[in-house]
C-alpha atoms as a PDB file:
ATOM      1  CA  MET A   1       0.000   0.000   0.000  1.00  0.00           C
ATOM      2  CA  LYS A   2       1.438   3.370  -1.039  1.00  0.00           C
ATOM      3  CA  ILE A   3       1.206   5.783   1.892  1.00  0.00           C
ATOM      4  CA  ARG A   4       1.124   9.394   0.727  1.00  0.00           C
ATOM      5  CA  ILE A   5       1.198  12.520   2.896  1.00  0.00           C
ATOM      6  CA  GLY A   6      -0.210  15.795   1.618  1.00  0.00           C
ATOM      7  CA  VAL A   7      -0.547  19.159   3.358  1.00  0.00           C
ATOM      8  CA  SER A   8      -3.580  21.433   3.585  1.00  0.00           C
ATOM      9  CA  LEU A   9      -3.228  25.148   4.209  1.00  0.00           C
ATOM     10  CA  GLY A  10      -6.480  24.889   6.170  1.00  0.00           C
ATOM     11  CA  ILE A  11      -9.442  27.226   6.123  1.00  0.00           C
ATOM     12  CA  ASP A  12      -7.366  30.191   7.317  1.00  0.00           C
ATOM     13  CA  GLY A  13      -4.624  29.964   4.690  1.00  0.00           C
ATOM     14  CA  ASP A  14      -3.005  33.204   3.600  1.00  0.00           C
ATOM     15  CA  THR A  15      -3.480  34.714   0.127  1.00  0.00           C
ATOM     16  CA  ASP A  16      -0.281  36.740   0.422  1.00  0.00           C
ATOM     17  CA  PRO A  17       1.619  35.587  -2.696  1.00  0.00           C
ATOM     18  CA  SER A  18       5.031  35.585  -1.013  1.00  0.00           C
ATOM     19  CA  ALA A  19       3.824  33.500   1.929  1.00  0.00           C
ATOM     20  CA  LEU A  20       2.009  31.067  -0.353  1.00  0.00           C
ATOM     21  CA  ALA A  21       5.037  30.761  -2.644  1.00  0.00           C
ATOM     22  CA  GLU A  22       7.320  30.016   0.318  1.00  0.00           C
ATOM     23  CA  ALA A  23       4.970  27.334   1.628  1.00  0.00           C
ATOM     24  CA  VAL A  24       4.575  25.711  -1.780  1.00  0.00           C
ATOM     25  CA  ALA A  25       8.329  25.743  -2.422  1.00  0.00           C
ATOM     26  CA  ALA A  26       8.980  24.116   0.956  1.00  0.00           C
ATOM     27  CA  MET A  27       6.423  21.355   0.252  1.00  0.00           C
ATOM     28  CA  GLU A  28       8.101  20.620  -3.072  1.00  0.00           C
ATOM     29  CA  GLU A  29      11.616  20.657  -1.643  1.00  0.00           C
ATOM     30  CA  LEU A  30      10.722  18.475   1.335  1.00  0.00           C
ATOM     31  CA  ARG A  31       8.923  16.047  -1.004  1.00  0.00           C
ATOM     32  CA  PHE A  32       5.456  16.083   0.435  1.00  0.00           C
ATOM     33  CA  ASP A  33       3.078  14.329  -1.937  1.00  0.00           C
ATOM     34  CA  SER A  34       0.558  17.110  -2.413  1.00  0.00           C
ATOM     35  CA  LEU A  35      -0.812  20.552  -1.567  1.00  0.00           C
ATOM     36  CA  TRP A  36      -4.512  20.904  -0.760  1.00  0.00           C
ATOM     37  CA  LEU A  37      -6.602  24.075  -0.779  1.00  0.00           C
ATOM     38  CA  ALA A  38     -10.014  24.192   0.847  1.00  0.00           C
ATOM     39  CA  GLU A  39     -12.946  26.056  -0.627  1.00  0.00           C
ATOM     40  CA  ARG A  40     -14.206  28.607   1.866  1.00  0.00           C
ATOM     41  CA  ILE A  41     -15.901  31.800   0.722  1.00  0.00           C
ATOM     42  CA  THR A  42     -15.702  33.702   4.018  1.00  0.00           C
ATOM     43  CA  THR A  43     -12.134  32.985   5.173  1.00  0.00           C
ATOM     44  CA  PRO A  44      -8.726  34.157   3.884  1.00  0.00           C
ATOM     45  CA  THR A  45      -7.769  30.812   2.355  1.00  0.00           C
ATOM     46  CA  PRO A  46      -7.078  30.972  -1.400  1.00  0.00           C
ATOM     47  CA  ASP A  47      -9.776  29.771  -3.751  1.00  0.00           C
ATOM     48  CA  PRO A  48      -8.656  26.338  -4.963  1.00  0.00           C
ATOM     49  CA  VAL A  49      -8.817  27.027  -8.714  1.00  0.00           C
ATOM     50  CA  PRO A  50      -6.544  30.111  -8.952  1.00  0.00           C
ATOM     51  CA  GLY A  51      -4.601  29.024  -5.870  1.00  0.00           C
ATOM     52  CA  LEU A  52      -3.661  25.671  -7.362  1.00  0.00           C
ATOM     53  CA  GLY A  53      -2.885  27.355 -10.680  1.00  0.00           C
ATOM     54  CA  PHE A  54      -0.461  29.619  -8.818  1.00  0.00           C
ATOM     55  CA  ALA A  55       1.120  26.593  -7.147  1.00  0.00           C
ATOM     56  CA  ALA A  56       1.331  24.709 -10.446  1.00  0.00           C
ATOM     57  CA  ALA A  57       3.464  27.481 -11.932  1.00  0.00           C
ATOM     58  CA  LEU A  58       5.937  27.248  -9.027  1.00  0.00           C
ATOM     59  CA  THR A  59       6.360  23.472  -8.896  1.00  0.00           C
ATOM     60  CA  ARG A  60       7.121  20.493 -11.094  1.00  0.00           C
ATOM     61  CA  ARG A  61       6.402  17.458  -8.923  1.00  0.00           C
ATOM     62  CA  LEU A  62       3.949  18.443  -6.156  1.00  0.00           C
ATOM     63  CA  LYS A  63       0.420  17.174  -6.718  1.00  0.00           C
ATOM     64  CA  LEU A  64      -2.391  19.697  -6.348  1.00  0.00           C
ATOM     65  CA  GLY A  65      -5.643  18.851  -4.562  1.00  0.00           C
ATOM     66  CA  THR A  66      -9.023  20.508  -4.166  1.00  0.00           C
ATOM     67  CA  GLY A  67      -9.808  19.789  -0.571  1.00  0.00           C
ATOM     68  CA  VAL A  68     -12.751  20.169  -0.803  1.00  0.00           C
ATOM     69  CA  MET A  69     -14.424  21.814  -3.820  1.00  0.00           C
ATOM     70  CA  VAL A  70     -18.181  22.380  -3.527  1.00  0.00           C
ATOM     71  CA  LEU A  71     -20.030  20.860  -6.495  1.00  0.00           C
ATOM     72  CA  PRO A  72     -23.815  21.395  -6.167  1.00  0.00           C
ATOM     73  CA  GLY A  73     -24.798  24.919  -7.164  1.00  0.00           C
ATOM     74  CA  ARG A  74     -22.127  25.137  -9.867  1.00  0.00           C
ATOM     75  CA  ASN A  75     -22.402  24.826 -13.618  1.00  0.00           C
ATOM     76  CA  PRO A  76     -20.925  21.378 -14.413  1.00  0.00           C
ATOM     77  CA  ALA A  77     -19.562  22.498 -17.786  1.00  0.00           C
ATOM     78  CA  VAL A  78     -17.700  25.434 -16.223  1.00  0.00           C
ATOM     79  CA  VAL A  79     -16.341  23.202 -13.434  1.00  0.00           C
ATOM     80  CA  SER A  80     -15.152  20.716 -16.038  1.00  0.00           C
ATOM     81  CA  LYS A  81     -13.369  23.423 -18.030  1.00  0.00           C
ATOM     82  CA  GLN A  82     -11.654  24.760 -14.892  1.00  0.00           C
ATOM     83  CA  LEU A  83     -10.464  21.336 -13.778  1.00  0.00           C
ATOM     84  CA  ALA A  84      -9.337  20.227 -17.224  1.00  0.00           C
ATOM     85  CA  THR A  85      -7.379  23.473 -17.549  1.00  0.00           C
ATOM     86  CA  LEU A  86      -5.735  23.008 -14.150  1.00  0.00           C
ATOM     87  CA  ASP A  87      -4.785  19.453 -14.997  1.00  0.00           C
ATOM     88  CA  ARG A  88      -3.240  20.517 -18.304  1.00  0.00           C
ATOM     89  CA  LEU A  89      -1.353  23.477 -16.849  1.00  0.00           C
ATOM     90  CA  SER A  90       0.045  21.275 -14.073  1.00  0.00           C
ATOM     91  CA  GLY A  91       1.053  18.464 -16.395  1.00  0.00           C
ATOM     92  CA  GLY A  92      -1.466  16.008 -14.977  1.00  0.00           C
ATOM     93  CA  ARG A  93      -0.923  16.669 -11.268  1.00  0.00           C
ATOM     94  CA  LEU A  94      -4.490  17.565 -10.254  1.00  0.00           C
ATOM     95  CA  LEU A  95      -6.328  15.679  -7.502  1.00  0.00           C
ATOM     96  CA  VAL A  96     -10.050  16.429  -7.261  1.00  0.00           C
ATOM     97  CA  THR A  97     -12.278  15.935  -4.241  1.00  0.00           C
ATOM     98  CA  PHE A  98     -15.853  17.207  -4.309  1.00  0.00           C
ATOM     99  CA  GLY A  99     -18.228  17.870  -1.425  1.00  0.00           C
ATOM    100  CA  LEU A 100     -21.735  19.127  -0.799  1.00  0.00           C
ATOM    101  CA  GLY A 101     -20.541  22.209   1.088  1.00  0.00           C
ATOM    102  CA  GLY A 102     -20.383  21.744   4.822  1.00  0.00           C
ATOM    103  CA  GLU A 103     -20.831  25.318   6.000  1.00  0.00           C
ATOM    104  CA  ALA A 104     -24.501  26.316   6.142  1.00  0.00           C
ATOM    105  CA  SER A 105     -23.474  29.989   6.236  1.00  0.00           C
ATOM    106  CA  GLU A 106     -21.829  29.633   2.799  1.00  0.00           C
ATOM    107  CA  ARG A 107     -24.386  27.493   0.992  1.00  0.00           C
ATOM    108  CA  ALA A 108     -26.189  30.581  -0.288  1.00  0.00           C
ATOM    109  CA  ALA A 109     -23.154  31.111  -2.532  1.00  0.00           C
ATOM    110  CA  PHE A 110     -23.945  27.779  -4.231  1.00  0.00           C
ATOM    111  CA  PRO A 111     -27.712  27.974  -4.780  1.00  0.00           C
ATOM    112  CA  ILE A 112     -29.804  25.068  -5.950  1.00  0.00           C
ATOM    113  CA  PRO A 113     -33.511  25.100  -6.875  1.00  0.00           C
ATOM    114  CA  PRO A 114     -35.648  25.298  -3.718  1.00  0.00           C
ATOM    115  CA  ASP A 115     -37.459  22.076  -4.556  1.00  0.00           C
ATOM    116  CA  ARG A 116     -34.230  20.049  -4.923  1.00  0.00           C
ATOM    117  CA  ARG A 117     -32.045  18.185  -2.434  1.00  0.00           C
ATOM    118  CA  ARG A 118     -28.348  19.061  -2.438  1.00  0.00           C
ATOM    119  CA  GLY A 119     -27.391  15.407  -2.510  1.00  0.00           C
ATOM    120  CA  ASP A 120     -29.464  14.735  -5.624  1.00  0.00           C
ATOM    121  CA  VAL A 121     -28.024  17.800  -7.373  1.00  0.00           C
ATOM    122  CA  PHE A 122     -24.524  16.642  -6.398  1.00  0.00           C
ATOM    123  CA  ASP A 123     -25.088  13.210  -7.923  1.00  0.00           C
ATOM    124  CA  GLU A 124     -26.420  14.638 -11.169  1.00  0.00           C
ATOM    125  CA  SER A 125     -23.629  17.215 -11.396  1.00  0.00           C
ATOM    126  CA  LEU A 126     -20.887  14.628 -10.845  1.00  0.00           C
ATOM    127  CA  VAL A 127     -22.264  12.463 -13.649  1.00  0.00           C
ATOM    128  CA  LEU A 128     -22.260  15.486 -15.965  1.00  0.00           C
ATOM    129  CA  VAL A 129     -18.715  16.526 -15.005  1.00  0.00           C
ATOM    130  CA  ARG A 130     -17.492  13.023 -15.844  1.00  0.00           C
ATOM    131  CA  ARG A 131     -19.150  13.223 -19.247  1.00  0.00           C
ATOM    132  CA  TYR A 132     -17.749  16.666 -19.996  1.00  0.00           C
ATOM    133  CA  VAL A 133     -14.132  15.846 -19.081  1.00  0.00           C
ATOM    134  CA  ALA A 134     -14.398  12.666 -21.147  1.00  0.00           C
ATOM    135  CA  GLY A 135     -15.145  14.829 -24.186  1.00  0.00           C
ATOM    136  CA  GLU A 136     -18.819  13.939 -24.532  1.00  0.00           C
ATOM    137  CA  ALA A 137     -21.321  16.405 -25.923  1.00  0.00           C
ATOM    138  CA  VAL A 138     -23.925  17.334 -23.322  1.00  0.00           C
ATOM    139  CA  ASP A 139     -26.817  19.453 -24.612  1.00  0.00           C
ATOM    140  CA  GLY A 140     -24.628  20.432 -27.521  1.00  0.00           C
ATOM    141  CA  VAL A 141     -21.695  21.575 -25.348  1.00  0.00           C
ATOM    142  CA  VAL A 142     -18.291  19.907 -25.654  1.00  0.00           C
ATOM    143  CA  VAL A 143     -15.632  20.956 -23.121  1.00  0.00           C
ATOM    144  CA  GLY A 144     -12.115  21.090 -24.491  1.00  0.00           C
ATOM    145  CA  PRO A 145      -9.307  20.514 -24.493  1.00  0.00           C
ATOM    146  CA  PRO A 146      -9.365  17.393 -22.306  1.00  0.00           C
ATOM    147  CA  PRO A 147      -7.312  16.936 -19.122  1.00  0.00           C
ATOM    148  CA  VAL A 148      -3.933  15.204 -19.246  1.00  0.00           C
ATOM    149  CA  GLN A 149      -5.172  12.452 -16.930  1.00  0.00           C
ATOM    150  CA  ARG A 150      -7.514  10.140 -18.754  1.00  0.00           C
ATOM    151  CA  PRO A 151      -9.624   9.551 -16.860  1.00  0.00           C
ATOM    152  CA  LEU A 152      -9.448  12.429 -14.399  1.00  0.00           C
ATOM    153  CA  GLU A 153     -10.504  10.866 -11.099  1.00  0.00           C
ATOM    154  CA  PHE A 154     -13.056  12.347  -8.713  1.00  0.00           C
ATOM    155  CA  TRP A 155     -13.179  11.618  -4.994  1.00  0.00           C
ATOM    156  CA  VAL A 156     -16.059  12.396  -2.650  1.00  0.00           C
ATOM    157  CA  ALA A 157     -15.590  13.911   0.803  1.00  0.00           C
ATOM    158  CA  GLY A 158     -17.753  13.360   3.846  1.00  0.00           C
ATOM    159  CA  THR A 159     -18.214  11.515   7.100  1.00  0.00           C
ATOM    160  CA  VAL A 160     -21.865  10.530   7.262  1.00  0.00           C
ATOM    161  CA  PRO A 161     -23.229   7.283   5.790  1.00  0.00           C
ATOM    162  CA  ALA A 162     -24.846   9.150   2.882  1.00  0.00           C
ATOM    163  CA  ALA A 163     -21.428  10.428   1.802  1.00  0.00           C
ATOM    164  CA  GLN A 164     -19.970   6.938   2.164  1.00  0.00           C
ATOM    165  CA  ARG A 165     -22.699   5.455  -0.018  1.00  0.00           C
ATOM    166  CA  ARG A 166     -22.243   8.231  -2.583  1.00  0.00           C
ATOM    167  CA  ALA A 167     -18.511   7.543  -2.730  1.00  0.00           C
ATOM    168  CA  GLY A 168     -19.173   3.872  -3.398  1.00  0.00           C
ATOM    169  CA  ARG A 169     -21.858   4.518  -5.967  1.00  0.00           C
ATOM    170  CA  LEU A 170     -20.257   7.335  -7.963  1.00  0.00           C
ATOM    171  CA  ALA A 171     -16.691   8.232  -6.957  1.00  0.00           C
ATOM    172  CA  ASP A 172     -13.132   7.041  -7.484  1.00  0.00           C
ATOM    173  CA  GLY A 173     -12.196   7.470  -3.819  1.00  0.00           C
ATOM    174  CA  TRP A 174     -13.371   8.610  -0.388  1.00  0.00           C
ATOM    175  CA  LEU A 175     -11.769  11.365   1.710  1.00  0.00           C
ATOM    176  CA  THR A 176     -13.072  11.669   5.251  1.00  0.00           C
ATOM    177  CA  SER A 177     -12.271  13.705   8.369  1.00  0.00           C
ATOM    178  CA  LEU A 178     -13.107  14.050  12.063  1.00  0.00           C
ATOM    179  CA  ILE A 179     -13.627  10.322  12.354  1.00  0.00           C
ATOM    180  CA  THR A 180     -11.904   7.675  14.487  1.00  0.00           C
ATOM    181  CA  PRO A 181      -9.915   4.850  12.887  1.00  0.00           C
ATOM    182  CA  ASP A 182     -12.613   2.341  13.863  1.00  0.00           C
ATOM    183  CA  GLU A 183     -15.302   4.553  12.310  1.00  0.00           C
ATOM    184  CA  ALA A 184     -13.124   4.952   9.231  1.00  0.00           C
ATOM    185  CA  ARG A 185     -12.809   1.170   8.887  1.00  0.00           C
ATOM    186  CA  ARG A 186     -16.585   0.758   9.095  1.00  0.00           C
ATOM    187  CA  GLY A 187     -17.077   3.599   6.627  1.00  0.00           C
ATOM    188  CA  ARG A 188     -14.733   1.941   4.173  1.00  0.00           C
ATOM    189  CA  GLU A 189     -16.838  -1.201   4.399  1.00  0.00           C
ATOM    190  CA  VAL A 190     -19.923   0.854   3.514  1.00  0.00           C
ATOM    191  CA  VAL A 191     -18.158   2.401   0.506  1.00  0.00           C
ATOM    192  CA  GLU A 192     -17.011  -0.975  -0.775  1.00  0.00           C
ATOM    193  CA  ALA A 193     -20.399  -2.619  -0.256  1.00  0.00           C
ATOM    194  CA  GLU A 194     -22.182   0.218  -2.062  1.00  0.00           C
ATOM    195  CA  ALA A 195     -19.697   0.028  -4.938  1.00  0.00           C
ATOM    196  CA  GLU A 196     -20.337  -3.717  -5.251  1.00  0.00           C
ATOM    197  CA  ARG A 197     -24.095  -3.119  -5.321  1.00  0.00           C
ATOM    198  CA  ALA A 198     -23.544  -0.615  -8.128  1.00  0.00           C
ATOM    199  CA  GLY A 199     -21.456  -3.119 -10.083  1.00  0.00           C
ATOM    200  CA  ARG A 200     -18.242  -1.147  -9.725  1.00  0.00           C
ATOM    201  CA  ARG A 201     -15.064  -1.101  -7.641  1.00  0.00           C
ATOM    202  CA  VAL A 202     -13.222   1.591  -5.694  1.00  0.00           C
ATOM    203  CA  ASP A 203      -9.440   1.156  -5.789  1.00  0.00           C
ATOM    204  CA  PRO A 204      -8.322  -0.200  -2.373  1.00  0.00           C
ATOM    205  CA  GLU A 205      -5.714   2.582  -2.202  1.00  0.00           C
ATOM    206  CA  HIS A 206      -8.251   5.335  -2.788  1.00  0.00           C
ATOM    207  CA  PHE A 207      -9.240   5.875   0.825  1.00  0.00           C
ATOM    208  CA  GLY A 208      -7.978   8.963   2.600  1.00  0.00           C
ATOM    209  CA  VAL A 209      -8.286  10.997   5.790  1.00  0.00           C
ATOM    210  CA  SER A 210      -7.849  14.704   6.433  1.00  0.00           C
ATOM    211  CA  VAL A 211      -6.070  15.047   9.788  1.00  0.00           C
ATOM    212  CA  ALA A 212      -5.740  18.238  11.826  1.00  0.00           C
ATOM    213  CA  TYR A 213      -3.326  18.275  14.734  1.00  0.00           C
ATOM    214  CA  ALA A 214      -2.926  20.813  17.527  1.00  0.00           C
ATOM    215  CA  GLU A 215       0.394  22.184  18.739  1.00  0.00           C
ATOM    216  CA  LYS A 216      -0.875  22.443  22.316  1.00  0.00           C
ATOM    217  CA  ALA A 217      -4.603  22.850  23.002  1.00  0.00           C
ATOM    218  CA  ILE A 218      -7.261  22.237  20.344  1.00  0.00           C
ATOM    219  CA  PRO A 219      -8.348  25.699  19.107  1.00  0.00           C
ATOM    220  CA  ALA A 220     -11.816  26.818  20.200  1.00  0.00           C
ATOM    221  CA  PRO A 221     -13.174  27.216  16.630  1.00  0.00           C
ATOM    222  CA  LEU A 222     -12.217  23.630  15.819  1.00  0.00           C
ATOM    223  CA  GLN A 223     -13.783  22.419  19.052  1.00  0.00           C
ATOM    224  CA  ALA A 224     -16.984  24.218  18.043  1.00  0.00           C
ATOM    225  CA  THR A 225     -16.908  22.563  14.615  1.00  0.00           C
ATOM    226  CA  ILE A 226     -16.497  19.150  16.207  1.00  0.00           C
ATOM    227  CA  ALA A 227     -19.330  19.850  18.660  1.00  0.00           C
ATOM    228  CA  ALA A 228     -21.608  20.699  15.729  1.00  0.00           C
ATOM    229  CA  ARG A 229     -20.566  17.849  13.443  1.00  0.00           C
ATOM    230  CA  ARG A 230     -19.878  15.157  16.045  1.00  0.00           C
ATOM    231  CA  PRO A 231     -22.012  16.001  19.114  1.00  0.00           C
ATOM    232  CA  GLY A 232     -20.999  14.053  22.186  1.00  0.00           C
ATOM    233  CA  VAL A 233     -17.611  13.040  20.760  1.00  0.00           C
ATOM    234  CA  ASP A 234     -14.491  14.019  22.696  1.00  0.00           C
ATOM    235  CA  PRO A 235     -12.428  16.305  20.379  1.00  0.00           C
ATOM    236  CA  ALA A 236      -9.239  14.719  21.745  1.00  0.00           C
ATOM    237  CA  THR A 237     -10.149  11.437  19.997  1.00  0.00           C
ATOM    238  CA  LEU A 238     -10.236  13.218  16.631  1.00  0.00           C
ATOM    239  CA  VAL A 239      -7.534  15.899  16.858  1.00  0.00           C
ATOM    240  CA  PRO A 240      -4.186  14.729  18.237  1.00  0.00           C
ATOM    241  CA  VAL A 241      -2.011  17.123  20.210  1.00  0.00           C
ATOM    242  CA  GLY A 242       1.575  17.194  18.981  1.00  0.00           C
ATOM    243  CA  LEU A 243       3.276  15.745  15.931  1.00  0.00           C
ATOM    244  CA  PRO A 244       4.132  12.338  17.473  1.00  0.00           C
ATOM    245  CA  ALA A 245       0.475  11.816  18.415  1.00  0.00           C
ATOM    246  CA  ALA A 246      -0.600  12.800  14.899  1.00  0.00           C
ATOM    247  CA  ALA A 247       1.841  10.290  13.388  1.00  0.00           C
ATOM    248  CA  ALA A 248       0.508   7.589  15.722  1.00  0.00           C
ATOM    249  CA  LEU A 249      -3.058   8.369  14.629  1.00  0.00           C
ATOM    250  CA  ILE A 250      -2.047   8.128  10.980  1.00  0.00           C
ATOM    251  CA  ARG A 251      -0.558   4.689  11.661  1.00  0.00           C
ATOM    252  CA  ASP A 252      -3.916   3.658  13.171  1.00  0.00           C
ATOM    253  CA  TYR A 253      -5.676   4.824  10.006  1.00  0.00           C
ATOM    254  CA  VAL A 254      -3.216   2.843   7.908  1.00  0.00           C
ATOM    255  CA  ALA A 255      -4.101  -0.243   9.953  1.00  0.00           C
ATOM    256  CA  ALA A 256      -7.753   0.502   9.138  1.00  0.00           C
ATOM    257  CA  GLY A 257      -6.968   0.376   5.411  1.00  0.00           C
ATOM    258  CA  PHE A 258      -6.353   4.042   4.601  1.00  0.00           C
ATOM    259  CA  SER A 259      -3.300   5.222   2.687  1.00  0.00           C
ATOM    260  CA  LYS A 260      -3.796   8.846   1.616  1.00  0.00           C
ATOM    261  CA  PHE A 261      -3.545  11.665   4.146  1.00  0.00           C
ATOM    262  CA  VAL A 262      -4.039  15.423   4.116  1.00  0.00           C
ATOM    263  CA  VAL A 263      -2.435  16.867   7.246  1.00  0.00           C
ATOM    264  CA  ARG A 264      -2.621  20.394   8.631  1.00  0.00           C
ATOM    265  CA  PRO A 265      -1.925  22.328  11.816  1.00  0.00           C
ATOM    266  CA  ALA A 266      -5.202  23.105  13.564  1.00  0.00           C
ATOM    267  CA  ALA A 267      -4.182  26.759  13.794  1.00  0.00           C
ATOM    268  CA  PRO A 268      -2.310  28.745  11.119  1.00  0.00           C
ATOM    269  CA  PRO A 269       1.428  28.575  11.862  1.00  0.00           C
ATOM    270  CA  ALA A 270       3.505  31.734  12.115  1.00  0.00           C
ATOM    271  CA  ASP A 271       6.113  30.272   9.759  1.00  0.00           C
ATOM    272  CA  TRP A 272       4.976  27.688   7.211  1.00  0.00           C
ATOM    273  CA  PRO A 273       8.430  26.615   5.975  1.00  0.00           C
ATOM    274  CA  GLU A 274       9.622  26.009   9.538  1.00  0.00           C
ATOM    275  CA  THR A 275       6.436  24.128  10.387  1.00  0.00           C
ATOM    276  CA  LEU A 276       6.729  22.022   7.251  1.00  0.00           C
ATOM    277  CA  VAL A 277      10.261  20.967   8.189  1.00  0.00           C
ATOM    278  CA  ALA A 278       8.951  19.672  11.530  1.00  0.00           C
ATOM    279  CA  MET A 279       5.981  17.973   9.828  1.00  0.00           C
ATOM    280  CA  ALA A 280       8.266  16.332   7.284  1.00  0.00           C
ATOM    281  CA  ALA A 281      10.509  14.895   9.989  1.00  0.00           C
ATOM    282  CA  GLU A 282       7.524  13.242  11.702  1.00  0.00           C
ATOM    283  CA  PHE A 283       5.258  12.303   8.816  1.00  0.00           C
ATOM    284  CA  LEU A 284       7.321  11.608   5.714  1.00  0.00           C
ATOM    285  CA  PRO A 285       9.008   8.490   7.147  1.00  0.00           C
ATOM    286  CA  LEU A 286       5.504   6.984   7.072  1.00  0.00           C
ATOM    287  CA  GLN A 287       5.397   7.215   3.277  1.00  0.00           C
ATOM    288  CA  ALA A 288       6.040   3.922   1.554  1.00  0.00           C
END
């Protein structure tokens, strides 16, 4: 199993070009597998499409992940054109993970018809994006040119059983977060069973976890997020404190059958390059 460690700038990432360039250069030099940019409308983190394009121009090896890009409420043809362009400009280094959009306060930015469910719109949109990037004509529209990766793979993010079933039914992989290793193992079983029911297969190495770790105490905003998403769950079981504890948690996820990881400090570090050196020393020996 190929263990791969990527880094997320988190939801508070900086759009200062010098700071972003320094962080990206350090990830490439230290040989992290990938950079991930979250999609958040109301925080300083860079938008994934231009942000990853910026990173693509500065790197040659580092993979570039959308972690996570909201799909429902977007035009599938436009999304397909953006992703195909990013994949071409990066030489085939794009990693795509879609989600429904977890922040209720931001869902107004991705409107869907009032009589529709977001999950149903997601499913329909993902099918259309696949057709567009494959070069099919949809309602007379053909998106071109195609991505370098053929096919361009699409993962689904989420923790709840509905997201697990969706990943099995429609996606090429599952990226989860704020979930224990035992819960992750059970979730993987749901994904695989749903894929079998749909007459398809998810690659055994296409299971990943986004892991936040705290330097000292778990930040209050993250505790609030956990309280809302996982009521009654002790945050300490989901967010390790310290790099050694984070590495130990990753090893537990590996034992549960997961091999792809997106790691981030729970709070924005004062110095990304310095932080990345410490992260590399603890996490990169896990890559195999």
